[in-house]
Amino acid sequence: MTDYQKIERMFSQFLDRPSANLTADERAEVKDFIDVGEYGLALETLVAIYLEDEKLPDEDGRMMIDALAAEMSMKPAEIWLPEKE
């Protein structure tokens, strides 16, 4: 499996989770970037959606975002997403 296939699979697993707590429009916005191979923008958009709407993914979702960031050699998601209080 190539790197991009792995990243796309990881995104799909995240977006398909009901607990991702995203609207259909939010999922579509992230998926648009994935469809054109802009994985970094897809991840940044995903995180921005959570921050702007002041909602956070569950713990499994946070771990999946961390794994996506690591797979793409991006900043750890812990920097982007505040800890739940």
PDB file of N, CA and C in Angstrom:
ATOM      1  N   MET A   1       0.854  -1.174   0.000  1.00  0.00           N
ATOM      2  CA  MET A   1       0.000   0.000   0.000  1.00  0.00           C
ATOM      3  C   MET A   1       0.903   1.242   0.000  1.00  0.00           C
ATOM      4  N   THR A   2       0.615   2.162  -0.895  1.00  0.00           N
ATOM      5  CA  THR A   2       1.412   3.388  -0.942  1.00  0.00           C
ATOM      6  C   THR A   2       1.022   4.311   0.202  1.00  0.00           C
ATOM      7  N   ASP A   3       1.884   5.272   0.466  1.00  0.00           N
ATOM      8  CA  ASP A   3       1.622   6.199   1.570  1.00  0.00           C
ATOM      9  C   ASP A   3       0.295   6.923   1.398  1.00  0.00           C
ATOM     10  N   TYR A   4       0.018   7.393   0.178  1.00  0.00           N
ATOM     11  CA  TYR A   4      -1.222   8.143  -0.007  1.00  0.00           C
ATOM     12  C   TYR A   4      -2.445   7.258   0.202  1.00  0.00           C
ATOM     13  N   GLN A   5      -2.352   5.984  -0.165  1.00  0.00           N
ATOM     14  CA  GLN A   5      -3.473   5.080   0.072  1.00  0.00           C
ATOM     15  C   GLN A   5      -3.694   4.882   1.569  1.00  0.00           C
ATOM     16  N   LYS A   6      -2.615   4.771   2.309  1.00  0.00           N
ATOM     17  CA  LYS A   6      -2.725   4.613   3.760  1.00  0.00           C
ATOM     18  C   LYS A   6      -3.350   5.854   4.379  1.00  0.00           C
ATOM     19  N   ILE A   7      -2.903   7.027   3.951  1.00  0.00           N
ATOM     20  CA  ILE A   7      -3.446   8.280   4.482  1.00  0.00           C
ATOM     21  C   ILE A   7      -4.927   8.392   4.144  1.00  0.00           C
ATOM     22  N   GLU A   8      -5.297   8.078   2.914  1.00  0.00           N
ATOM     23  CA  GLU A   8      -6.706   8.146   2.523  1.00  0.00           C
ATOM     24  C   GLU A   8      -7.550   7.172   3.334  1.00  0.00           C
ATOM     25  N   ARG A   9      -7.011   5.978   3.578  1.00  0.00           N
ATOM     26  CA  ARG A   9      -7.735   4.996   4.392  1.00  0.00           C
ATOM     27  C   ARG A   9      -7.910   5.510   5.818  1.00  0.00           C
ATOM     28  N   MET A  10      -6.869   6.125   6.366  1.00  0.00           N
ATOM     29  CA  MET A  10      -6.945   6.664   7.723  1.00  0.00           C
ATOM     30  C   MET A  10      -7.996   7.773   7.807  1.00  0.00           C
ATOM     31  N   PHE A  11      -8.008   8.659   6.807  1.00  0.00           N
ATOM     32  CA  PHE A  11      -9.024   9.712   6.773  1.00  0.00           C
ATOM     33  C   PHE A  11     -10.421   9.103   6.689  1.00  0.00           C
ATOM     34  N   SER A  12     -10.596   8.122   5.823  1.00  0.00           N
ATOM     35  CA  SER A  12     -11.910   7.488   5.664  1.00  0.00           C
ATOM     36  C   SER A  12     -12.380   6.870   6.965  1.00  0.00           C
ATOM     37  N   GLN A  13     -11.483   6.172   7.645  1.00  0.00           N
ATOM     38  CA  GLN A  13     -11.846   5.569   8.925  1.00  0.00           C
ATOM     39  C   GLN A  13     -12.284   6.633   9.921  1.00  0.00           C
ATOM     40  N   PHE A  14     -11.595   7.772   9.922  1.00  0.00           N
ATOM     41  CA  PHE A  14     -11.969   8.842  10.843  1.00  0.00           C
ATOM     42  C   PHE A  14     -13.322   9.433  10.461  1.00  0.00           C
ATOM     43  N   LEU A  15     -13.469   9.805   9.203  1.00  0.00           N
ATOM     44  CA  LEU A  15     -14.686  10.497   8.766  1.00  0.00           C
ATOM     45  C   LEU A  15     -15.923   9.614   8.822  1.00  0.00           C
ATOM     46  N   ASP A  16     -15.754   8.297   8.707  1.00  0.00           N
ATOM     47  CA  ASP A  16     -16.888   7.378   8.737  1.00  0.00           C
ATOM     48  C   ASP A  16     -17.395   7.091  10.144  1.00  0.00           C
ATOM     49  N   ARG A  17     -16.662   7.536  11.140  1.00  0.00           N
ATOM     50  CA  ARG A  17     -17.066   7.281  12.531  1.00  0.00           C
ATOM     51  C   ARG A  17     -18.194   8.227  12.930  1.00  0.00           C
ATOM     52  N   PRO A  18     -19.317   7.697  13.437  1.00  0.00           N
ATOM     53  CA  PRO A  18     -20.381   8.588  13.910  1.00  0.00           C
ATOM     54  C   PRO A  18     -19.899   9.527  15.015  1.00  0.00           C
ATOM     55  N   SER A  19     -18.958   9.066  15.818  1.00  0.00           N
ATOM     56  CA  SER A  19     -18.475   9.888  16.923  1.00  0.00           C
ATOM     57  C   SER A  19     -17.521  10.996  16.462  1.00  0.00           C
ATOM     58  N   ALA A  20     -17.279  11.097  15.152  1.00  0.00           N
ATOM     59  CA  ALA A  20     -16.448  12.194  14.652  1.00  0.00           C
ATOM     60  C   ALA A  20     -17.140  13.527  14.901  1.00  0.00           C
ATOM     61  N   ASN A  21     -18.465  13.489  15.080  1.00  0.00           N
ATOM     62  CA  ASN A  21     -19.231  14.683  15.428  1.00  0.00           C
ATOM     63  C   ASN A  21     -19.080  15.782  14.366  1.00  0.00           C
ATOM     64  N   LEU A  22     -19.191  15.390  13.098  1.00  0.00           N
ATOM     65  CA  LEU A  22     -19.097  16.340  11.989  1.00  0.00           C
ATOM     66  C   LEU A  22     -20.391  16.318  11.188  1.00  0.00           C
ATOM     67  N   THR A  23     -20.761  17.479  10.665  1.00  0.00           N
ATOM     68  CA  THR A  23     -21.928  17.537   9.793  1.00  0.00           C
ATOM     69  C   THR A  23     -21.550  16.986   8.423  1.00  0.00           C
ATOM     70  N   ALA A  24     -22.549  16.722   7.608  1.00  0.00           N
ATOM     71  CA  ALA A  24     -22.291  16.243   6.247  1.00  0.00           C
ATOM     72  C   ALA A  24     -21.480  17.270   5.465  1.00  0.00           C
ATOM     73  N   ASP A  25     -21.777  18.557   5.649  1.00  0.00           N
ATOM     74  CA  ASP A  25     -21.025  19.612   4.953  1.00  0.00           C
ATOM     75  C   ASP A  25     -19.568  19.654   5.408  1.00  0.00           C
ATOM     76  N   GLU A  26     -19.336  19.465   6.699  1.00  0.00           N
ATOM     77  CA  GLU A  26     -17.963  19.465   7.216  1.00  0.00           C
ATOM     78  C   GLU A  26     -17.181  18.276   6.672  1.00  0.00           C
ATOM     79  N   ARG A  27     -17.818  17.119   6.650  1.00  0.00           N
ATOM     80  CA  ARG A  27     -17.164  15.934   6.082  1.00  0.00           C
ATOM     81  C   ARG A  27     -16.828  16.162   4.614  1.00  0.00           C
ATOM     82  N   ALA A  28     -17.772  16.745   3.883  1.00  0.00           N
ATOM     83  CA  ALA A  28     -17.569  17.001   2.455  1.00  0.00           C
ATOM     84  C   ALA A  28     -16.422  17.980   2.226  1.00  0.00           C
ATOM     85  N   GLU A  29     -16.327  18.992   3.090  1.00  0.00           N
ATOM     86  CA  GLU A  29     -15.249  19.980   2.968  1.00  0.00           C
ATOM     87  C   GLU A  29     -13.881  19.306   3.120  1.00  0.00           C
ATOM     88  N   VAL A  30     -13.748  18.448   4.113  1.00  0.00           N
ATOM     89  CA  VAL A  30     -12.490  17.727   4.324  1.00  0.00           C
ATOM     90  C   VAL A  30     -12.246  16.757   3.168  1.00  0.00           C
ATOM     91  N   LYS A  31     -13.281  16.048   2.759  1.00  0.00           N
ATOM     92  CA  LYS A  31     -13.149  15.059   1.681  1.00  0.00           C
ATOM     93  C   LYS A  31     -12.743  15.708   0.360  1.00  0.00           C
ATOM     94  N   ASP A  32     -13.201  16.931   0.104  1.00  0.00           N
ATOM     95  CA  ASP A  32     -12.803  17.631  -1.125  1.00  0.00           C
ATOM     96  C   ASP A  32     -11.286  17.760  -1.219  1.00  0.00           C
ATOM     97  N   PHE A  33     -10.637  18.075  -0.107  1.00  0.00           N
ATOM     98  CA  PHE A  33      -9.175  18.171  -0.098  1.00  0.00           C
ATOM     99  C   PHE A  33      -8.521  16.802  -0.286  1.00  0.00           C
ATOM    100  N   ILE A  34      -9.098  15.781   0.341  1.00  0.00           N
ATOM    101  CA  ILE A  34      -8.555  14.430   0.203  1.00  0.00           C
ATOM    102  C   ILE A  34      -8.637  13.981  -1.254  1.00  0.00           C
ATOM    103  N   ASP A  35      -9.761  14.272  -1.893  1.00  0.00           N
ATOM    104  CA  ASP A  35      -9.983  13.827  -3.272  1.00  0.00           C
ATOM    105  C   ASP A  35      -8.964  14.392  -4.254  1.00  0.00           C
ATOM    106  N   VAL A  36      -8.386  15.543  -3.933  1.00  0.00           N
ATOM    107  CA  VAL A  36      -7.386  16.140  -4.835  1.00  0.00           C
ATOM    108  C   VAL A  36      -5.965  15.964  -4.297  1.00  0.00           C
ATOM    109  N   GLY A  37      -5.818  15.115  -3.271  1.00  0.00           N
ATOM    110  CA  GLY A  37      -4.494  14.802  -2.759  1.00  0.00           C
ATOM    111  C   GLY A  37      -3.881  15.858  -1.857  1.00  0.00           C
ATOM    112  N   GLU A  38      -4.685  16.773  -1.369  1.00  0.00           N
ATOM    113  CA  GLU A  38      -4.203  17.816  -0.458  1.00  0.00           C
ATOM    114  C   GLU A  38      -4.443  17.364   0.983  1.00  0.00           C
ATOM    115  N   TYR A  39      -3.679  16.369   1.396  1.00  0.00           N
ATOM    116  CA  TYR A  39      -3.899  15.752   2.699  1.00  0.00           C
ATOM    117  C   TYR A  39      -3.580  16.689   3.859  1.00  0.00           C
ATOM    118  N   GLY A  40      -2.541  17.489   3.717  1.00  0.00           N
ATOM    119  CA  GLY A  40      -2.207  18.453   4.766  1.00  0.00           C
ATOM    120  C   GLY A  40      -3.321  19.462   4.965  1.00  0.00           C
ATOM    121  N   LEU A  41      -3.869  19.963   3.861  1.00  0.00           N
ATOM    122  CA  LEU A  41      -4.994  20.903   3.966  1.00  0.00           C
ATOM    123  C   LEU A  41      -6.230  20.219   4.532  1.00  0.00           C
ATOM    124  N   ALA A  42      -6.415  18.957   4.191  1.00  0.00           N
ATOM    125  CA  ALA A  42      -7.546  18.213   4.743  1.00  0.00           C
ATOM    126  C   ALA A  42      -7.438  18.114   6.260  1.00  0.00           C
ATOM    127  N   LEU A  43      -6.240  17.796   6.750  1.00  0.00           N
ATOM    128  CA  LEU A  43      -6.048  17.677   8.198  1.00  0.00           C
ATOM    129  C   LEU A  43      -6.177  19.033   8.879  1.00  0.00           C
ATOM    130  N   GLU A  44      -5.583  20.068   8.292  1.00  0.00           N
ATOM    131  CA  GLU A  44      -5.697  21.409   8.869  1.00  0.00           C
ATOM    132  C   GLU A  44      -7.147  21.872   8.890  1.00  0.00           C
ATOM    133  N   THR A  45      -7.899  21.559   7.838  1.00  0.00           N
ATOM    134  CA  THR A  45      -9.317  21.927   7.791  1.00  0.00           C
ATOM    135  C   THR A  45     -10.098  21.182   8.852  1.00  0.00           C
ATOM    136  N   LEU A  46      -9.810  19.900   9.002  1.00  0.00           N
ATOM    137  CA  LEU A  46     -10.484  19.094  10.021  1.00  0.00           C
ATOM    138  C   LEU A  46     -10.264  19.683  11.407  1.00  0.00           C
ATOM    139  N   VAL A  47      -9.032  19.999  11.715  1.00  0.00           N
ATOM    140  CA  VAL A  47      -8.718  20.564  13.032  1.00  0.00           C
ATOM    141  C   VAL A  47      -9.373  21.936  13.182  1.00  0.00           C
ATOM    142  N   ALA A  48      -9.343  22.744  12.124  1.00  0.00           N
ATOM    143  CA  ALA A  48      -9.956  24.086  12.180  1.00  0.00           C
ATOM    144  C   ALA A  48     -11.457  23.989  12.447  1.00  0.00           C
ATOM    145  N   ILE A  49     -12.102  23.011  11.866  1.00  0.00           N
ATOM    146  CA  ILE A  49     -13.539  22.822  12.107  1.00  0.00           C
ATOM    147  C   ILE A  49     -13.790  22.579  13.590  1.00  0.00           C
ATOM    148  N   TYR A  50     -12.990  21.709  14.181  1.00  0.00           N
ATOM    149  CA  TYR A  50     -13.169  21.439  15.607  1.00  0.00           C
ATOM    150  C   TYR A  50     -12.909  22.687  16.444  1.00  0.00           C
ATOM    151  N   LEU A  51     -11.876  23.426  16.120  1.00  0.00           N
ATOM    152  CA  LEU A  51     -11.545  24.611  16.912  1.00  0.00           C
ATOM    153  C   LEU A  51     -12.584  25.710  16.742  1.00  0.00           C
ATOM    154  N   GLU A  52     -13.008  25.945  15.501  1.00  0.00           N
ATOM    155  CA  GLU A  52     -13.979  27.011  15.249  1.00  0.00           C
ATOM    156  C   GLU A  52     -15.324  26.715  15.887  1.00  0.00           C
ATOM    157  N   ASP A  53     -15.727  25.473  15.862  1.00  0.00           N
ATOM    158  CA  ASP A  53     -17.025  25.100  16.422  1.00  0.00           C
ATOM    159  C   ASP A  53     -16.946  24.766  17.910  1.00  0.00           C
ATOM    160  N   GLU A  54     -15.740  24.879  18.452  1.00  0.00           N
ATOM    161  CA  GLU A  54     -15.504  24.593  19.872  1.00  0.00           C
ATOM    162  C   GLU A  54     -16.040  23.217  20.269  1.00  0.00           C
ATOM    163  N   LYS A  55     -15.775  22.249  19.400  1.00  0.00           N
ATOM    164  CA  LYS A  55     -16.118  20.872  19.715  1.00  0.00           C
ATOM    165  C   LYS A  55     -14.852  20.060  19.506  1.00  0.00           C
ATOM    166  N   LEU A  56     -14.749  18.970  20.196  1.00  0.00           N
ATOM    167  CA  LEU A  56     -13.559  18.134  20.093  1.00  0.00           C
ATOM    168  C   LEU A  56     -13.953  16.706  19.767  1.00  0.00           C
ATOM    169  N   PRO A  57     -13.102  15.996  19.056  1.00  0.00           N
ATOM    170  CA  PRO A  57     -13.378  14.581  18.843  1.00  0.00           C
ATOM    171  C   PRO A  57     -13.189  13.817  20.151  1.00  0.00           C
ATOM    172  N   ASP A  58     -13.725  12.616  20.192  1.00  0.00           N
ATOM    173  CA  ASP A  58     -13.508  11.775  21.371  1.00  0.00           C
ATOM    174  C   ASP A  58     -12.043  11.335  21.411  1.00  0.00           C
ATOM    175  N   GLU A  59     -11.672  10.608  22.449  1.00  0.00           N
ATOM    176  CA  GLU A  59     -10.274  10.219  22.633  1.00  0.00           C
ATOM    177  C   GLU A  59      -9.748   9.386  21.458  1.00  0.00           C
ATOM    178  N   ASP A  60     -10.565   8.458  20.968  1.00  0.00           N
ATOM    179  CA  ASP A  60     -10.144   7.667  19.808  1.00  0.00           C
ATOM    180  C   ASP A  60      -9.917   8.569  18.598  1.00  0.00           C
ATOM    181  N   GLY A  61     -10.793   9.541  18.422  1.00  0.00           N
ATOM    182  CA  GLY A  61     -10.647  10.482  17.319  1.00  0.00           C
ATOM    183  C   GLY A  61      -9.387  11.309  17.436  1.00  0.00           C
ATOM    184  N   ARG A  62      -9.083  11.738  18.641  1.00  0.00           N
ATOM    185  CA  ARG A  62      -7.841  12.501  18.862  1.00  0.00           C
ATOM    186  C   ARG A  62      -6.623  11.647  18.516  1.00  0.00           C
ATOM    187  N   MET A  63      -6.673  10.375  18.892  1.00  0.00           N
ATOM    188  CA  MET A  63      -5.560   9.482  18.581  1.00  0.00           C
ATOM    189  C   MET A  63      -5.434   9.284  17.068  1.00  0.00           C
ATOM    190  N   MET A  64      -6.565   9.219  16.386  1.00  0.00           N
ATOM    191  CA  MET A  64      -6.539   9.065  14.928  1.00  0.00           C
ATOM    192  C   MET A  64      -5.968  10.316  14.260  1.00  0.00           C
ATOM    193  N   ILE A  65      -6.323  11.489  14.776  1.00  0.00           N
ATOM    194  CA  ILE A  65      -5.771  12.735  14.239  1.00  0.00           C
ATOM    195  C   ILE A  65      -4.269  12.776  14.489  1.00  0.00           C
ATOM    196  N   ASP A  66      -3.855  12.381  15.669  1.00  0.00           N
ATOM    197  CA  ASP A  66      -2.418  12.321  15.969  1.00  0.00           C
ATOM    198  C   ASP A  66      -1.700  11.391  14.994  1.00  0.00           C
ATOM    199  N   ALA A  67      -2.303  10.232  14.728  1.00  0.00           N
ATOM    200  CA  ALA A  67      -1.688   9.263  13.818  1.00  0.00           C
ATOM    201  C   ALA A  67      -1.608   9.809  12.395  1.00  0.00           C
ATOM    202  N   LEU A  68      -2.656  10.515  11.967  1.00  0.00           N
ATOM    203  CA  LEU A  68      -2.622  11.147  10.645  1.00  0.00           C
ATOM    204  C   LEU A  68      -1.508  12.177  10.566  1.00  0.00           C
ATOM    205  N   ALA A  69      -1.407  13.010  11.591  1.00  0.00           N
ATOM    206  CA  ALA A  69      -0.350  14.028  11.613  1.00  0.00           C
ATOM    207  C   ALA A  69       1.020  13.375  11.555  1.00  0.00           C
ATOM    208  N   ALA A  70       1.215  12.328  12.323  1.00  0.00           N
ATOM    209  CA  ALA A  70       2.508  11.640  12.337  1.00  0.00           C
ATOM    210  C   ALA A  70       2.799  11.008  10.976  1.00  0.00           C
ATOM    211  N   GLU A  71       1.800  10.409  10.375  1.00  0.00           N
ATOM    212  CA  GLU A  71       1.976   9.767   9.071  1.00  0.00           C
ATOM    213  C   GLU A  71       2.392  10.777   8.003  1.00  0.00           C
ATOM    214  N   MET A  72       1.908  12.007   8.164  1.00  0.00           N
ATOM    215  CA  MET A  72       2.219  13.050   7.182  1.00  0.00           C
ATOM    216  C   MET A  72       3.377  13.941   7.634  1.00  0.00           C
ATOM    217  N   SER A  73       4.031  13.564   8.722  1.00  0.00           N
ATOM    218  CA  SER A  73       5.155  14.338   9.273  1.00  0.00           C
ATOM    219  C   SER A  73       4.765  15.785   9.555  1.00  0.00           C
ATOM    220  N   MET A  74       3.565  15.956  10.099  1.00  0.00           N
ATOM    221  CA  MET A  74       3.071  17.281  10.465  1.00  0.00           C
ATOM    222  C   MET A  74       3.167  17.446  11.977  1.00  0.00           C
ATOM    223  N   LYS A  75       2.903  18.658  12.441  1.00  0.00           N
ATOM    224  CA  LYS A  75       2.915  18.932  13.882  1.00  0.00           C
ATOM    225  C   LYS A  75       1.961  17.975  14.596  1.00  0.00           C
ATOM    226  N   PRO A  76       2.310  17.583  15.786  1.00  0.00           N
ATOM    227  CA  PRO A  76       1.373  16.740  16.544  1.00  0.00           C
ATOM    228  C   PRO A  76       0.067  17.478  16.792  1.00  0.00           C
ATOM    229  N   ALA A  77      -1.007  16.743  16.716  1.00  0.00           N
ATOM    230  CA  ALA A  77      -2.324  17.348  16.887  1.00  0.00           C
ATOM    231  C   ALA A  77      -2.522  17.901  18.290  1.00  0.00           C
ATOM    232  N   GLU A  78      -1.731  17.433  19.276  1.00  0.00           N
ATOM    233  CA  GLU A  78      -1.894  17.961  20.626  1.00  0.00           C
ATOM    234  C   GLU A  78      -1.684  19.471  20.639  1.00  0.00           C
ATOM    235  N   ILE A  79      -0.869  19.976  19.739  1.00  0.00           N
ATOM    236  CA  ILE A  79      -0.617  21.417  19.673  1.00  0.00           C
ATOM    237  C   ILE A  79      -1.854  22.133  19.133  1.00  0.00           C
ATOM    238  N   TRP A  80      -2.546  21.493  18.194  1.00  0.00           N
ATOM    239  CA  TRP A  80      -3.670  22.137  17.537  1.00  0.00           C
ATOM    240  C   TRP A  80      -4.962  22.022  18.327  1.00  0.00           C
ATOM    241  N   LEU A  81      -5.147  20.897  19.029  1.00  0.00           N
ATOM    242  CA  LEU A  81      -6.391  20.678  19.731  1.00  0.00           C
ATOM    243  C   LEU A  81      -6.187  20.835  21.231  1.00  0.00           C
ATOM    244  N   PRO A  82      -6.927  21.712  21.860  1.00  0.00           N
ATOM    245  CA  PRO A  82      -6.788  21.840  23.318  1.00  0.00           C
ATOM    246  C   PRO A  82      -7.277  20.592  24.026  1.00  0.00           C
ATOM    247  N   GLU A  83      -6.727  20.348  25.176  1.00  0.00           N
ATOM    248  CA  GLU A  83      -7.175  19.211  25.986  1.00  0.00           C
ATOM    249  C   GLU A  83      -8.597  19.436  26.446  1.00  0.00           C
ATOM    250  N   LYS A  84      -9.377  18.368  26.541  1.00  0.00           N
ATOM    251  CA  LYS A  84     -10.718  18.465  27.106  1.00  0.00           C
ATOM    252  C   LYS A  84     -10.584  18.779  28.584  1.00  0.00           C
ATOM    253  N   GLU A  85     -11.499  19.571  29.062  1.00  0.00           N
ATOM    254  CA  GLU A  85     -11.474  19.894  30.497  1.00  0.00           C
ATOM    255  C   GLU A  85     -12.484  19.067  31.242  1.00  0.00           C
TER     256      GLU A  85
END
